[in-house]
Amino acid sequence: MKSGIHPESYRTVVFKDMSNGETFISRSTVNSKETIDIDGVNYPLVKLDISSSSHPFYTGKSKLVDTAGRVDKFMNRYAKRMEAKK
């Protein structure tokens, strides 16, 4: 393995799945401006839209995840087209 190509700044970070609220602690080099207290210890917080605890492949449940309202926008446009055709 080549020396000097891997980062040296690994630290303990909390990752939070925003779709179901589950958190897990891991080591990472990712930067974060937010922090969270877990068991009296302050950790940097990284928010995730989806993780293995909420992804349909791992959970076996089909779930629609839409954080930007794209589905609602599509449904509104589709409804307007259907009304215009009538």
PDB file of N, CA and C in Angstrom:
ATOM      1  N   MET A   1       0.831  -1.164   0.000  1.00  0.00           N
ATOM      2  CA  MET A   1       0.000   0.000   0.000  1.00  0.00           C
ATOM      3  C   MET A   1       0.885   1.239   0.000  1.00  0.00           C
ATOM      4  N   LYS A   2       0.517   2.241  -0.801  1.00  0.00           N
ATOM      5  CA  LYS A   2       1.295   3.468  -0.865  1.00  0.00           C
ATOM      6  C   LYS A   2       1.158   4.255   0.429  1.00  0.00           C
ATOM      7  N   SER A   3       2.258   4.830   0.855  1.00  0.00           N
ATOM      8  CA  SER A   3       2.205   5.662   2.055  1.00  0.00           C
ATOM      9  C   SER A   3       1.965   7.115   1.658  1.00  0.00           C
ATOM     10  N   GLY A   4       1.280   7.851   2.542  1.00  0.00           N
ATOM     11  CA  GLY A   4       1.050   9.269   2.322  1.00  0.00           C
ATOM     12  C   GLY A   4      -0.151   9.609   1.453  1.00  0.00           C
ATOM     13  N   ILE A   5      -0.951   8.619   1.014  1.00  0.00           N
ATOM     14  CA  ILE A   5      -2.100   8.937   0.167  1.00  0.00           C
ATOM     15  C   ILE A   5      -3.419   8.916   0.945  1.00  0.00           C
ATOM     16  N   HIS A   6      -3.418   8.402   2.155  1.00  0.00           N
ATOM     17  CA  HIS A   6      -4.635   8.320   2.956  1.00  0.00           C
ATOM     18  C   HIS A   6      -4.672   9.466   3.962  1.00  0.00           C
ATOM     19  N   PRO A   7      -5.858  10.002   4.243  1.00  0.00           N
ATOM     20  CA  PRO A   7      -5.957  11.110   5.190  1.00  0.00           C
ATOM     21  C   PRO A   7      -5.581  10.679   6.600  1.00  0.00           C
ATOM     22  N   GLU A   8      -5.065  11.626   7.356  1.00  0.00           N
ATOM     23  CA  GLU A   8      -4.648  11.358   8.731  1.00  0.00           C
ATOM     24  C   GLU A   8      -5.671  11.860   9.748  1.00  0.00           C
ATOM     25  N   SER A   9      -6.655  12.615   9.297  1.00  0.00           N
ATOM     26  CA  SER A   9      -7.556  13.318  10.217  1.00  0.00           C
ATOM     27  C   SER A   9      -8.859  12.573  10.494  1.00  0.00           C
ATOM     28  N   TYR A  10      -8.814  11.284  10.717  1.00  0.00           N
ATOM     29  CA  TYR A  10     -10.022  10.534  11.058  1.00  0.00           C
ATOM     30  C   TYR A  10     -10.460  10.913  12.461  1.00  0.00           C
ATOM     31  N   ARG A  11     -11.768  11.094  12.640  1.00  0.00           N
ATOM     32  CA  ARG A  11     -12.318  11.382  13.953  1.00  0.00           C
ATOM     33  C   ARG A  11     -13.692  10.722  14.064  1.00  0.00           C
ATOM     34  N   THR A  12     -14.201  10.638  15.270  1.00  0.00           N
ATOM     35  CA  THR A  12     -15.502  10.028  15.497  1.00  0.00           C
ATOM     36  C   THR A  12     -16.594  11.022  15.103  1.00  0.00           C
ATOM     37  N   VAL A  13     -17.554  10.557  14.290  1.00  0.00           N
ATOM     38  CA  VAL A  13     -18.625  11.391  13.752  1.00  0.00           C
ATOM     39  C   VAL A  13     -19.948  10.648  13.914  1.00  0.00           C
ATOM     40  N   VAL A  14     -21.041  11.385  14.127  1.00  0.00           N
ATOM     41  CA  VAL A  14     -22.378  10.804  14.188  1.00  0.00           C
ATOM     42  C   VAL A  14     -23.069  11.039  12.854  1.00  0.00           C
ATOM     43  N   PHE A  15     -23.585   9.967  12.258  1.00  0.00           N
ATOM     44  CA  PHE A  15     -24.373  10.052  11.038  1.00  0.00           C
ATOM     45  C   PHE A  15     -25.832   9.854  11.422  1.00  0.00           C
ATOM     46  N   LYS A  16     -26.719  10.760  10.946  1.00  0.00           N
ATOM     47  CA  LYS A  16     -28.138  10.676  11.272  1.00  0.00           C
ATOM     48  C   LYS A  16     -28.953  10.555   9.998  1.00  0.00           C
ATOM     49  N   ASP A  17     -29.750   9.498   9.929  1.00  0.00           N
ATOM     50  CA  ASP A  17     -30.650   9.280   8.804  1.00  0.00           C
ATOM     51  C   ASP A  17     -31.885  10.147   9.033  1.00  0.00           C
ATOM     52  N   MET A  18     -32.108  11.139   8.175  1.00  0.00           N
ATOM     53  CA  MET A  18     -33.190  12.081   8.374  1.00  0.00           C
ATOM     54  C   MET A  18     -34.564  11.495   8.050  1.00  0.00           C
ATOM     55  N   SER A  19     -34.625  10.389   7.321  1.00  0.00           N
ATOM     56  CA  SER A  19     -35.920   9.806   6.980  1.00  0.00           C
ATOM     57  C   SER A  19     -36.525   9.001   8.128  1.00  0.00           C
ATOM     58  N   ASN A  20     -35.678   8.449   9.014  1.00  0.00           N
ATOM     59  CA  ASN A  20     -36.234   7.683  10.129  1.00  0.00           C
ATOM     60  C   ASN A  20     -35.633   8.056  11.486  1.00  0.00           C
ATOM     61  N   GLY A  21     -34.681   8.983  11.511  1.00  0.00           N
ATOM     62  CA  GLY A  21     -34.129   9.471  12.765  1.00  0.00           C
ATOM     63  C   GLY A  21     -33.063   8.595  13.399  1.00  0.00           C
ATOM     64  N   GLU A  22     -32.698   7.501  12.777  1.00  0.00           N
ATOM     65  CA  GLU A  22     -31.695   6.609  13.346  1.00  0.00           C
ATOM     66  C   GLU A  22     -30.308   7.240  13.248  1.00  0.00           C
ATOM     67  N   THR A  23     -29.502   7.066  14.283  1.00  0.00           N
ATOM     68  CA  THR A  23     -28.136   7.590  14.298  1.00  0.00           C
ATOM     69  C   THR A  23     -27.152   6.453  14.498  1.00  0.00           C
ATOM     70  N   PHE A  24     -25.956   6.626  13.955  1.00  0.00           N
ATOM     71  CA  PHE A  24     -24.880   5.683  14.221  1.00  0.00           C
ATOM     72  C   PHE A  24     -23.557   6.447  14.247  1.00  0.00           C
ATOM     73  N   ILE A  25     -22.632   5.931  15.019  1.00  0.00           N
ATOM     74  CA  ILE A  25     -21.333   6.568  15.216  1.00  0.00           C
ATOM     75  C   ILE A  25     -20.287   5.795  14.439  1.00  0.00           C
ATOM     76  N   SER A  26     -19.445   6.542  13.719  1.00  0.00           N
ATOM     77  CA  SER A  26     -18.383   5.927  12.933  1.00  0.00           C
ATOM     78  C   SER A  26     -17.215   6.905  12.854  1.00  0.00           C
ATOM     79  N   ARG A  27     -16.116   6.440  12.328  1.00  0.00           N
ATOM     80  CA  ARG A  27     -14.969   7.325  12.120  1.00  0.00           C
ATOM     81  C   ARG A  27     -15.001   7.819  10.685  1.00  0.00           C
ATOM     82  N   SER A  28     -14.697   9.113  10.496  1.00  0.00           N
ATOM     83  CA  SER A  28     -14.753   9.691   9.168  1.00  0.00           C
ATOM     84  C   SER A  28     -13.872  10.935   9.102  1.00  0.00           C
ATOM     85  N   THR A  29     -13.615  11.381   7.886  1.00  0.00           N
ATOM     86  CA  THR A  29     -12.873  12.623   7.666  1.00  0.00           C
ATOM     87  C   THR A  29     -13.795  13.742   7.193  1.00  0.00           C
ATOM     88  N   VAL A  30     -15.086  13.482   7.084  1.00  0.00           N
ATOM     89  CA  VAL A  30     -16.038  14.459   6.573  1.00  0.00           C
ATOM     90  C   VAL A  30     -16.134  15.666   7.513  1.00  0.00           C
ATOM     91  N   ASN A  31     -16.260  16.873   6.927  1.00  0.00           N
ATOM     92  CA  ASN A  31     -16.401  18.092   7.716  1.00  0.00           C
ATOM     93  C   ASN A  31     -17.863  18.355   8.010  1.00  0.00           C
ATOM     94  N   SER A  32     -18.137  18.923   9.178  1.00  0.00           N
ATOM     95  CA  SER A  32     -19.501  19.240   9.561  1.00  0.00           C
ATOM     96  C   SER A  32     -19.508  20.463  10.461  1.00  0.00           C
ATOM     97  N   LYS A  33     -20.506  21.325  10.263  1.00  0.00           N
ATOM     98  CA  LYS A  33     -20.643  22.513  11.097  1.00  0.00           C
ATOM     99  C   LYS A  33     -21.575  22.257  12.277  1.00  0.00           C
ATOM    100  N   GLU A  34     -22.401  21.204  12.202  1.00  0.00           N
ATOM    101  CA  GLU A  34     -23.350  20.887  13.256  1.00  0.00           C
ATOM    102  C   GLU A  34     -22.767  19.858  14.212  1.00  0.00           C
ATOM    103  N   THR A  35     -23.251  19.892  15.451  1.00  0.00           N
ATOM    104  CA  THR A  35     -22.815  18.921  16.454  1.00  0.00           C
ATOM    105  C   THR A  35     -24.035  18.346  17.155  1.00  0.00           C
ATOM    106  N   ILE A  36     -23.828  17.223  17.838  1.00  0.00           N
ATOM    107  CA  ILE A  36     -24.885  16.562  18.600  1.00  0.00           C
ATOM    108  C   ILE A  36     -24.267  15.939  19.841  1.00  0.00           C
ATOM    109  N   ASP A  37     -25.025  15.937  20.946  1.00  0.00           N
ATOM    110  CA  ASP A  37     -24.577  15.313  22.188  1.00  0.00           C
ATOM    111  C   ASP A  37     -25.193  13.926  22.302  1.00  0.00           C
ATOM    112  N   ILE A  38     -24.352  12.931  22.455  1.00  0.00           N
ATOM    113  CA  ILE A  38     -24.796  11.559  22.680  1.00  0.00           C
ATOM    114  C   ILE A  38     -24.038  11.024  23.882  1.00  0.00           C
ATOM    115  N   ASP A  39     -24.784  10.622  24.911  1.00  0.00           N
ATOM    116  CA  ASP A  39     -24.225  10.103  26.157  1.00  0.00           C
ATOM    117  C   ASP A  39     -23.222  11.075  26.770  1.00  0.00           C
ATOM    118  N   GLY A  40     -23.520  12.370  26.689  1.00  0.00           N
ATOM    119  CA  GLY A  40     -22.665  13.388  27.307  1.00  0.00           C
ATOM    120  C   GLY A  40     -21.423  13.744  26.513  1.00  0.00           C
ATOM    121  N   VAL A  41     -21.274  13.206  25.316  1.00  0.00           N
ATOM    122  CA  VAL A  41     -20.122  13.497  24.470  1.00  0.00           C
ATOM    123  C   VAL A  41     -20.603  14.269  23.243  1.00  0.00           C
ATOM    124  N   ASN A  42     -19.915  15.333  22.893  1.00  0.00           N
ATOM    125  CA  ASN A  42     -20.275  16.165  21.750  1.00  0.00           C
ATOM    126  C   ASN A  42     -19.544  15.660  20.504  1.00  0.00           C
ATOM    127  N   TYR A  43     -20.315  15.301  19.453  1.00  0.00           N
ATOM    128  CA  TYR A  43     -19.764  14.779  18.209  1.00  0.00           C
ATOM    129  C   TYR A  43     -20.170  15.676  17.041  1.00  0.00           C
ATOM    130  N   PRO A  44     -19.373  15.731  15.966  1.00  0.00           N
ATOM    131  CA  PRO A  44     -19.838  16.376  14.736  1.00  0.00           C
ATOM    132  C   PRO A  44     -20.988  15.555  14.156  1.00  0.00           C
ATOM    133  N   LEU A  45     -21.995  16.248  13.561  1.00  0.00           N
ATOM    134  CA  LEU A  45     -23.180  15.587  13.033  1.00  0.00           C
ATOM    135  C   LEU A  45     -23.213  15.709  11.519  1.00  0.00           C
ATOM    136  N   VAL A  46     -23.426  14.570  10.841  1.00  0.00           N
ATOM    137  CA  VAL A  46     -23.586  14.539   9.389  1.00  0.00           C
ATOM    138  C   VAL A  46     -24.979  13.985   9.117  1.00  0.00           C
ATOM    139  N   LYS A  47     -25.806  14.768   8.404  1.00  0.00           N
ATOM    140  CA  LYS A  47     -27.176  14.355   8.108  1.00  0.00           C
ATOM    141  C   LYS A  47     -27.219  13.643   6.758  1.00  0.00           C
ATOM    142  N   LEU A  48     -27.901  12.493   6.740  1.00  0.00           N
ATOM    143  CA  LEU A  48     -28.045  11.689   5.529  1.00  0.00           C
ATOM    144  C   LEU A  48     -29.506  11.637   5.114  1.00  0.00           C
ATOM    145  N   ASP A  49     -29.766  11.671   3.815  1.00  0.00           N
ATOM    146  CA  ASP A  49     -31.136  11.514   3.323  1.00  0.00           C
ATOM    147  C   ASP A  49     -31.590  10.066   3.420  1.00  0.00           C
ATOM    148  N   ILE A  50     -30.666   9.150   3.200  1.00  0.00           N
ATOM    149  CA  ILE A  50     -31.014   7.724   3.218  1.00  0.00           C
ATOM    150  C   ILE A  50     -29.778   6.932   3.653  1.00  0.00           C
ATOM    151  N   SER A  51     -30.009   5.869   4.395  1.00  0.00           N
ATOM    152  CA  SER A  51     -28.919   4.998   4.840  1.00  0.00           C
ATOM    153  C   SER A  51     -29.400   3.557   4.758  1.00  0.00           C
ATOM    154  N   SER A  52     -28.592   2.638   5.228  1.00  0.00           N
ATOM    155  CA  SER A  52     -28.987   1.233   5.161  1.00  0.00           C
ATOM    156  C   SER A  52     -30.191   0.934   6.045  1.00  0.00           C
ATOM    157  N   SER A  53     -30.457   1.780   7.038  1.00  0.00           N
ATOM    158  CA  SER A  53     -31.623   1.543   7.904  1.00  0.00           C
ATOM    159  C   SER A  53     -32.938   1.979   7.271  1.00  0.00           C
ATOM    160  N   SER A  54     -32.871   2.759   6.166  1.00  0.00           N
ATOM    161  CA  SER A  54     -34.108   3.192   5.518  1.00  0.00           C
ATOM    162  C   SER A  54     -34.155   2.865   4.027  1.00  0.00           C
ATOM    163  N   HIS A  55     -33.085   2.341   3.469  1.00  0.00           N
ATOM    164  CA  HIS A  55     -33.056   2.030   2.039  1.00  0.00           C
ATOM    165  C   HIS A  55     -33.897   0.784   1.760  1.00  0.00           C
ATOM    166  N   PRO A  56     -34.762   0.835   0.734  1.00  0.00           N
ATOM    167  CA  PRO A  56     -35.642  -0.310   0.442  1.00  0.00           C
ATOM    168  C   PRO A  56     -34.909  -1.619   0.180  1.00  0.00           C
ATOM    169  N   PHE A  57     -33.705  -1.568  -0.359  1.00  0.00           N
ATOM    170  CA  PHE A  57     -32.961  -2.804  -0.628  1.00  0.00           C
ATOM    171  C   PHE A  57     -32.655  -3.543   0.671  1.00  0.00           C
ATOM    172  N   TYR A  58     -32.296  -2.804   1.722  1.00  0.00           N
ATOM    173  CA  TYR A  58     -31.921  -3.430   2.988  1.00  0.00           C
ATOM    174  C   TYR A  58     -33.124  -3.703   3.883  1.00  0.00           C
ATOM    175  N   THR A  59     -34.169  -2.883   3.779  1.00  0.00           N
ATOM    176  CA  THR A  59     -35.323  -3.053   4.661  1.00  0.00           C
ATOM    177  C   THR A  59     -36.372  -3.991   4.083  1.00  0.00           C
ATOM    178  N   GLY A  60     -36.392  -4.151   2.754  1.00  0.00           N
ATOM    179  CA  GLY A  60     -37.389  -4.991   2.119  1.00  0.00           C
ATOM    180  C   GLY A  60     -38.730  -4.304   1.967  1.00  0.00           C
ATOM    181  N   LYS A  61     -38.804  -3.031   2.320  1.00  0.00           N
ATOM    182  CA  LYS A  61     -40.043  -2.271   2.215  1.00  0.00           C
ATOM    183  C   LYS A  61     -39.890  -1.227   1.121  1.00  0.00           C
ATOM    184  N   SER A  62     -40.901  -1.104   0.288  1.00  0.00           N
ATOM    185  CA  SER A  62     -40.897  -0.085  -0.744  1.00  0.00           C
ATOM    186  C   SER A  62     -41.401   1.205  -0.127  1.00  0.00           C
ATOM    187  N   LYS A  63     -40.572   2.237  -0.156  1.00  0.00           N
ATOM    188  CA  LYS A  63     -40.915   3.486   0.488  1.00  0.00           C
ATOM    189  C   LYS A  63     -40.503   4.629  -0.420  1.00  0.00           C
ATOM    190  N   LEU A  64     -41.379   5.595  -0.604  1.00  0.00           N
ATOM    191  CA  LEU A  64     -41.087   6.749  -1.433  1.00  0.00           C
ATOM    192  C   LEU A  64     -40.365   7.793  -0.592  1.00  0.00           C
ATOM    193  N   VAL A  65     -39.143   8.139  -0.970  1.00  0.00           N
ATOM    194  CA  VAL A  65     -38.364   9.144  -0.273  1.00  0.00           C
ATOM    195  C   VAL A  65     -38.258  10.347  -1.193  1.00  0.00           C
ATOM    196  N   ASP A  66     -38.807  11.463  -0.750  1.00  0.00           N
ATOM    197  CA  ASP A  66     -38.789  12.673  -1.554  1.00  0.00           C
ATOM    198  C   ASP A  66     -38.492  13.855  -0.649  1.00  0.00           C
ATOM    199  N   THR A  67     -37.283  14.370  -0.710  1.00  0.00           N
ATOM    200  CA  THR A  67     -36.900  15.463   0.163  1.00  0.00           C
ATOM    201  C   THR A  67     -37.100  16.820  -0.466  1.00  0.00           C
ATOM    202  N   ALA A  68     -37.305  16.897  -1.761  1.00  0.00           N
ATOM    203  CA  ALA A  68     -37.415  18.195  -2.424  1.00  0.00           C
ATOM    204  C   ALA A  68     -38.811  18.465  -2.960  1.00  0.00           C
ATOM    205  N   GLY A  69     -39.788  17.602  -2.708  1.00  0.00           N
ATOM    206  CA  GLY A  69     -41.141  17.820  -3.172  1.00  0.00           C
ATOM    207  C   GLY A  69     -41.329  17.566  -4.663  1.00  0.00           C
ATOM    208  N   ARG A  70     -40.453  16.785  -5.268  1.00  0.00           N
ATOM    209  CA  ARG A  70     -40.521  16.532  -6.707  1.00  0.00           C
ATOM    210  C   ARG A  70     -41.773  15.761  -7.095  1.00  0.00           C
ATOM    211  N   VAL A  71     -42.180  14.834  -6.264  1.00  0.00           N
ATOM    212  CA  VAL A  71     -43.362  14.030  -6.580  1.00  0.00           C
ATOM    213  C   VAL A  71     -44.606  14.913  -6.554  1.00  0.00           C
ATOM    214  N   ASP A  72     -44.720  15.784  -5.555  1.00  0.00           N
ATOM    215  CA  ASP A  72     -45.870  16.684  -5.476  1.00  0.00           C
ATOM    216  C   ASP A  72     -45.935  17.607  -6.680  1.00  0.00           C
ATOM    217  N   LYS A  73     -44.799  18.126  -7.107  1.00  0.00           N
ATOM    218  CA  LYS A  73     -44.764  19.002  -8.274  1.00  0.00           C
ATOM    219  C   LYS A  73     -45.244  18.252  -9.520  1.00  0.00           C
ATOM    220  N   PHE A  74     -44.790  17.009  -9.679  1.00  0.00           N
ATOM    221  CA  PHE A  74     -45.196  16.211 -10.820  1.00  0.00           C
ATOM    222  C   PHE A  74     -46.704  15.948 -10.787  1.00  0.00           C
ATOM    223  N   MET A  75     -47.217  15.571  -9.621  1.00  0.00           N
ATOM    224  CA  MET A  75     -48.642  15.274  -9.509  1.00  0.00           C
ATOM    225  C   MET A  75     -49.491  16.508  -9.819  1.00  0.00           C
ATOM    226  N   ASN A  76     -49.054  17.675  -9.397  1.00  0.00           N
ATOM    227  CA  ASN A  76     -49.790  18.907  -9.700  1.00  0.00           C
ATOM    228  C   ASN A  76     -49.801  19.182 -11.204  1.00  0.00           C
ATOM    229  N   ARG A  77     -48.662  19.009 -11.858  1.00  0.00           N
ATOM    230  CA  ARG A  77     -48.599  19.221 -13.306  1.00  0.00           C
ATOM    231  C   ARG A  77     -49.467  18.203 -14.037  1.00  0.00           C
ATOM    232  N   TYR A  78     -49.418  16.965 -13.604  1.00  0.00           N
ATOM    233  CA  TYR A  78     -50.192  15.901 -14.250  1.00  0.00           C
ATOM    234  C   TYR A  78     -51.689  16.167 -14.083  1.00  0.00           C
ATOM    235  N   ALA A  79     -52.095  16.600 -12.898  1.00  0.00           N
ATOM    236  CA  ALA A  79     -53.510  16.892 -12.638  1.00  0.00           C
ATOM    237  C   ALA A  79     -53.985  18.041 -13.536  1.00  0.00           C
ATOM    238  N   LYS A  80     -53.146  19.057 -13.709  1.00  0.00           N
ATOM    239  CA  LYS A  80     -53.516  20.178 -14.578  1.00  0.00           C
ATOM    240  C   LYS A  80     -53.671  19.732 -16.032  1.00  0.00           C
ATOM    241  N   ARG A  81     -52.820  18.834 -16.487  1.00  0.00           N
ATOM    242  CA  ARG A  81     -52.928  18.331 -17.870  1.00  0.00           C
ATOM    243  C   ARG A  81     -54.201  17.512 -18.048  1.00  0.00           C
ATOM    244  N   MET A  82     -54.527  16.707 -17.050  1.00  0.00           N
ATOM    245  CA  MET A  82     -55.733  15.881 -17.143  1.00  0.00           C
ATOM    246  C   MET A  82     -56.989  16.755 -17.162  1.00  0.00           C
ATOM    247  N   GLU A  83     -56.974  17.849 -16.394  1.00  0.00           N
ATOM    248  CA  GLU A  83     -58.120  18.773 -16.391  1.00  0.00           C
ATOM    249  C   GLU A  83     -58.233  19.492 -17.715  1.00  0.00           C
ATOM    250  N   ALA A  84     -57.085  19.846 -18.313  1.00  0.00           N
ATOM    251  CA  ALA A  84     -57.092  20.557 -19.597  1.00  0.00           C
ATOM    252  C   ALA A  84     -57.625  19.667 -20.724  1.00  0.00           C
ATOM    253  N   LYS A  85     -57.396  18.358 -20.633  1.00  0.00           N
ATOM    254  CA  LYS A  85     -57.869  17.431 -21.671  1.00  0.00           C
ATOM    255  C   LYS A  85     -59.394  17.255 -21.612  1.00  0.00           C
ATOM    256  N   LYS A  86     -59.964  17.434 -20.439  1.00  0.00           N
ATOM    257  CA  LYS A  86     -61.421  17.245 -20.272  1.00  0.00           C
ATOM    258  C   LYS A  86     -62.109  18.443 -20.808  1.00  0.00           C
TER     259      LYS A  86
END
